[in-house]
Structure formats: structure tokens, C-alpha cells
C-alpha atoms as a PDB file:
ATOM      1  CA  UNK A   1     342.378 154.988  80.005  1.00  0.00           C
ATOM      2  CA  UNK A   2     342.673 151.210  80.170  1.00  0.00           C
ATOM      3  CA  UNK A   3     339.206 149.617  80.180  1.00  0.00           C
ATOM      4  CA  UNK A   4     338.982 145.938  81.024  1.00  0.00           C
ATOM      5  CA  UNK A   5     336.271 143.561  82.128  1.00  0.00           C
ATOM      6  CA  UNK A   6     336.380 142.150  85.666  1.00  0.00           C
ATOM      7  CA  UNK A   7     336.755 138.640  84.301  1.00  0.00           C
ATOM      8  CA  UNK A   8     340.039 139.751  82.676  1.00  0.00           C
ATOM      9  CA  UNK A   9     341.542 140.769  86.011  1.00  0.00           C
ATOM     10  CA  UNK A  10     343.569 138.701  88.422  1.00  0.00           C
ATOM     11  CA  UNK A  11     341.684 138.042  91.707  1.00  0.00           C
ATOM     12  CA  UNK A  12     344.106 140.327  93.580  1.00  0.00           C
ATOM     13  CA  UNK A  13     343.315 143.180  91.152  1.00  0.00           C
ATOM     14  CA  UNK A  14     339.587 142.660  91.726  1.00  0.00           C
ATOM     15  CA  UNK A  15     340.079 142.715  95.504  1.00  0.00           C
ATOM     16  CA  UNK A  16     342.077 145.960  95.239  1.00  0.00           C
ATOM     17  CA  UNK A  17     339.216 147.576  93.302  1.00  0.00           C
ATOM     18  CA  UNK A  18     336.608 146.356  95.789  1.00  0.00           C
ATOM     19  CA  UNK A  19     338.674 147.566  98.750  1.00  0.00           C
ATOM     20  CA  UNK A  20     339.061 151.000  97.150  1.00  0.00           C
ATOM     21  CA  UNK A  21     335.307 151.265  96.615  1.00  0.00           C
ATOM     22  CA  UNK A  22     334.608 150.130 100.187  1.00  0.00           C
ATOM     23  CA  UNK A  23     336.758 152.960 101.534  1.00  0.00           C
ATOM     24  CA  UNK A  24     335.110 155.549  99.280  1.00  0.00           C
ATOM     25  CA  UNK A  25     331.694 154.271 100.408  1.00  0.00           C
ATOM     26  CA  UNK A  26     332.653 154.656 104.079  1.00  0.00           C
ATOM     27  CA  UNK A  27     333.794 158.220 103.437  1.00  0.00           C
ATOM     28  CA  UNK A  28     330.548 159.410 101.840  1.00  0.00           C
ATOM     29  CA  UNK A  29     328.023 157.308 103.772  1.00  0.00           C
ATOM     30  CA  UNK A  30     327.497 159.820 106.636  1.00  0.00           C
ATOM     31  CA  UNK A  31     326.774 162.651 104.183  1.00  0.00           C
ATOM     32  CA  UNK A  32     324.396 160.459 102.164  1.00  0.00           C
ATOM     33  CA  UNK A  33     322.547 159.394 105.307  1.00  0.00           C
ATOM     34  CA  UNK A  34     322.137 163.044 106.356  1.00  0.00           C
ATOM     35  CA  UNK A  35     320.800 164.023 102.923  1.00  0.00           C
ATOM     36  CA  UNK A  36     318.309 161.133 102.929  1.00  0.00           C
ATOM     37  CA  UNK A  37     317.170 162.039 106.453  1.00  0.00           C
ATOM     38  CA  UNK A  38     316.594 165.659 105.440  1.00  0.00           C
ATOM     39  CA  UNK A  39     314.667 164.656 102.311  1.00  0.00           C
ATOM     40  CA  UNK A  40     312.487 162.319 104.365  1.00  0.00           C
ATOM     41  CA  UNK A  41     311.819 165.018 106.947  1.00  0.00           C
ATOM     42  CA  UNK A  42     311.418 168.011 104.634  1.00  0.00           C
ATOM     43  CA  UNK A  43     310.275 166.459 101.354  1.00  0.00           C
ATOM     44  CA  UNK A  44     310.184 168.620  98.237  1.00  0.00           C
ATOM     45  CA  UNK A  45     311.809 171.608  99.914  1.00  0.00           C
ATOM     46  CA  UNK A  46     314.907 169.547 100.734  1.00  0.00           C
ATOM     47  CA  UNK A  47     315.001 168.185  97.170  1.00  0.00           C
ATOM     48  CA  UNK A  48     314.889 171.728  95.815  1.00  0.00           C
ATOM     49  CA  UNK A  49     317.610 172.873  98.225  1.00  0.00           C
ATOM     50  CA  UNK A  50     319.947 169.979  97.377  1.00  0.00           C
ATOM     51  CA  UNK A  51     319.328 170.359  93.645  1.00  0.00           C
ATOM     52  CA  UNK A  52     320.235 174.028  93.947  1.00  0.00           C
ATOM     53  CA  UNK A  53     323.346 173.231  96.021  1.00  0.00           C
ATOM     54  CA  UNK A  54     324.651 170.274  94.005  1.00  0.00           C
ATOM     55  CA  UNK A  55     323.425 171.032  90.482  1.00  0.00           C
ATOM     56  CA  UNK A  56     323.041 174.808  90.525  1.00  0.00           C
ATOM     57  CA  UNK A  57     319.416 174.500  89.363  1.00  0.00           C
ATOM     58  CA  UNK A  58     316.295 176.043  90.871  1.00  0.00           C
ATOM     59  CA  UNK A  59     313.400 173.638  90.341  1.00  0.00           C
ATOM     60  CA  UNK A  60     309.936 175.046  89.814  1.00  0.00           C
ATOM     61  CA  UNK A  61     308.228 171.651  89.719  1.00  0.00           C
ATOM     62  CA  UNK A  62     309.104 168.177  90.906  1.00  0.00           C
ATOM     63  CA  UNK A  63     307.637 165.636  88.532  1.00  0.00           C
ATOM     64  CA  UNK A  64     308.825 162.410  86.943  1.00  0.00           C
ATOM     65  CA  UNK A  65     307.339 162.556  83.441  1.00  0.00           C
ATOM     66  CA  UNK A  66     308.885 159.182  82.553  1.00  0.00           C
ATOM     67  CA  UNK A  67     306.431 157.429  84.867  1.00  0.00           C
ATOM     68  CA  UNK A  68     303.579 158.388  82.578  1.00  0.00           C
ATOM     69  CA  UNK A  69     305.149 156.368  79.759  1.00  0.00           C
ATOM     70  CA  UNK A  70     305.032 153.231  81.869  1.00  0.00           C
ATOM     71  CA  UNK A  71     301.296 153.421  82.360  1.00  0.00           C
ATOM     72  CA  UNK A  72     301.360 155.347  85.628  1.00  0.00           C
ATOM     73  CA  UNK A  73     300.248 158.870  86.323  1.00  0.00           C
ATOM     74  CA  UNK A  74     302.204 161.512  88.221  1.00  0.00           C
ATOM     75  CA  UNK A  75     302.933 160.865  91.888  1.00  0.00           C
ATOM     76  CA  UNK A  76     300.481 162.376  94.305  1.00  0.00           C
ATOM     77  CA  UNK A  77     301.892 165.193  96.355  1.00  0.00           C
ATOM     78  CA  UNK A  78     301.541 168.891  97.050  1.00  0.00           C
ATOM     79  CA  UNK A  79     299.783 170.774  94.253  1.00  0.00           C
ATOM     80  CA  UNK A  80     302.810 173.041  93.850  1.00  0.00           C
ATOM     81  CA  UNK A  81     304.909 170.063  92.730  1.00  0.00           C
ATOM     82  CA  UNK A  82     302.515 169.143  89.896  1.00  0.00           C
ATOM     83  CA  UNK A  83     301.956 170.903  86.605  1.00  0.00           C
ATOM     84  CA  UNK A  84     298.459 170.996  85.097  1.00  0.00           C
ATOM     85  CA  UNK A  85     297.894 168.346  82.406  1.00  0.00           C
END
């Protein structure tokens, strides 16, 4: 694989990369919008369903432990999504 920095590329090469990414973005945008809409509407249940579908993992709890290290506690939400401390 040839790895180069953008500032090493000719402007036409940069434009070709940007155009390729634009097309890929257009292709996946409808699916992403549908996933976001379902997560907004269904919350944790949708997150569990998509995690199972995309990652093959069944989540028992939805928690972001990293937030605690930045001086914040766990997000408030349904009791089932939080583990006892």
C-alpha cells in the first residue's frame, strides 16, 4: 500500500479522492439516516438490535465507562442500561 500525505499529492489527485468519498457518502447516507431515526425513536433497544446485526454482539448493558474518567458520571437512562456501582 502506498501511503502519502495530502500535501504530497497533485491537486487533481486530491480532487479524485474527494470525489470518490462524495460518491461513497451518497451511497450510504440513506441507510445511516434510517439507523439514526430508529435509534432516536427506539433508544437502547435499537442500539442493541444494530449491535447484534452489525457486530454480532448481544449487549447486556449500555454504558460509557470512559465518561467517568473525565469527571462525569454515567448517563441517566433506563435502570436496565446501568450497572450498579
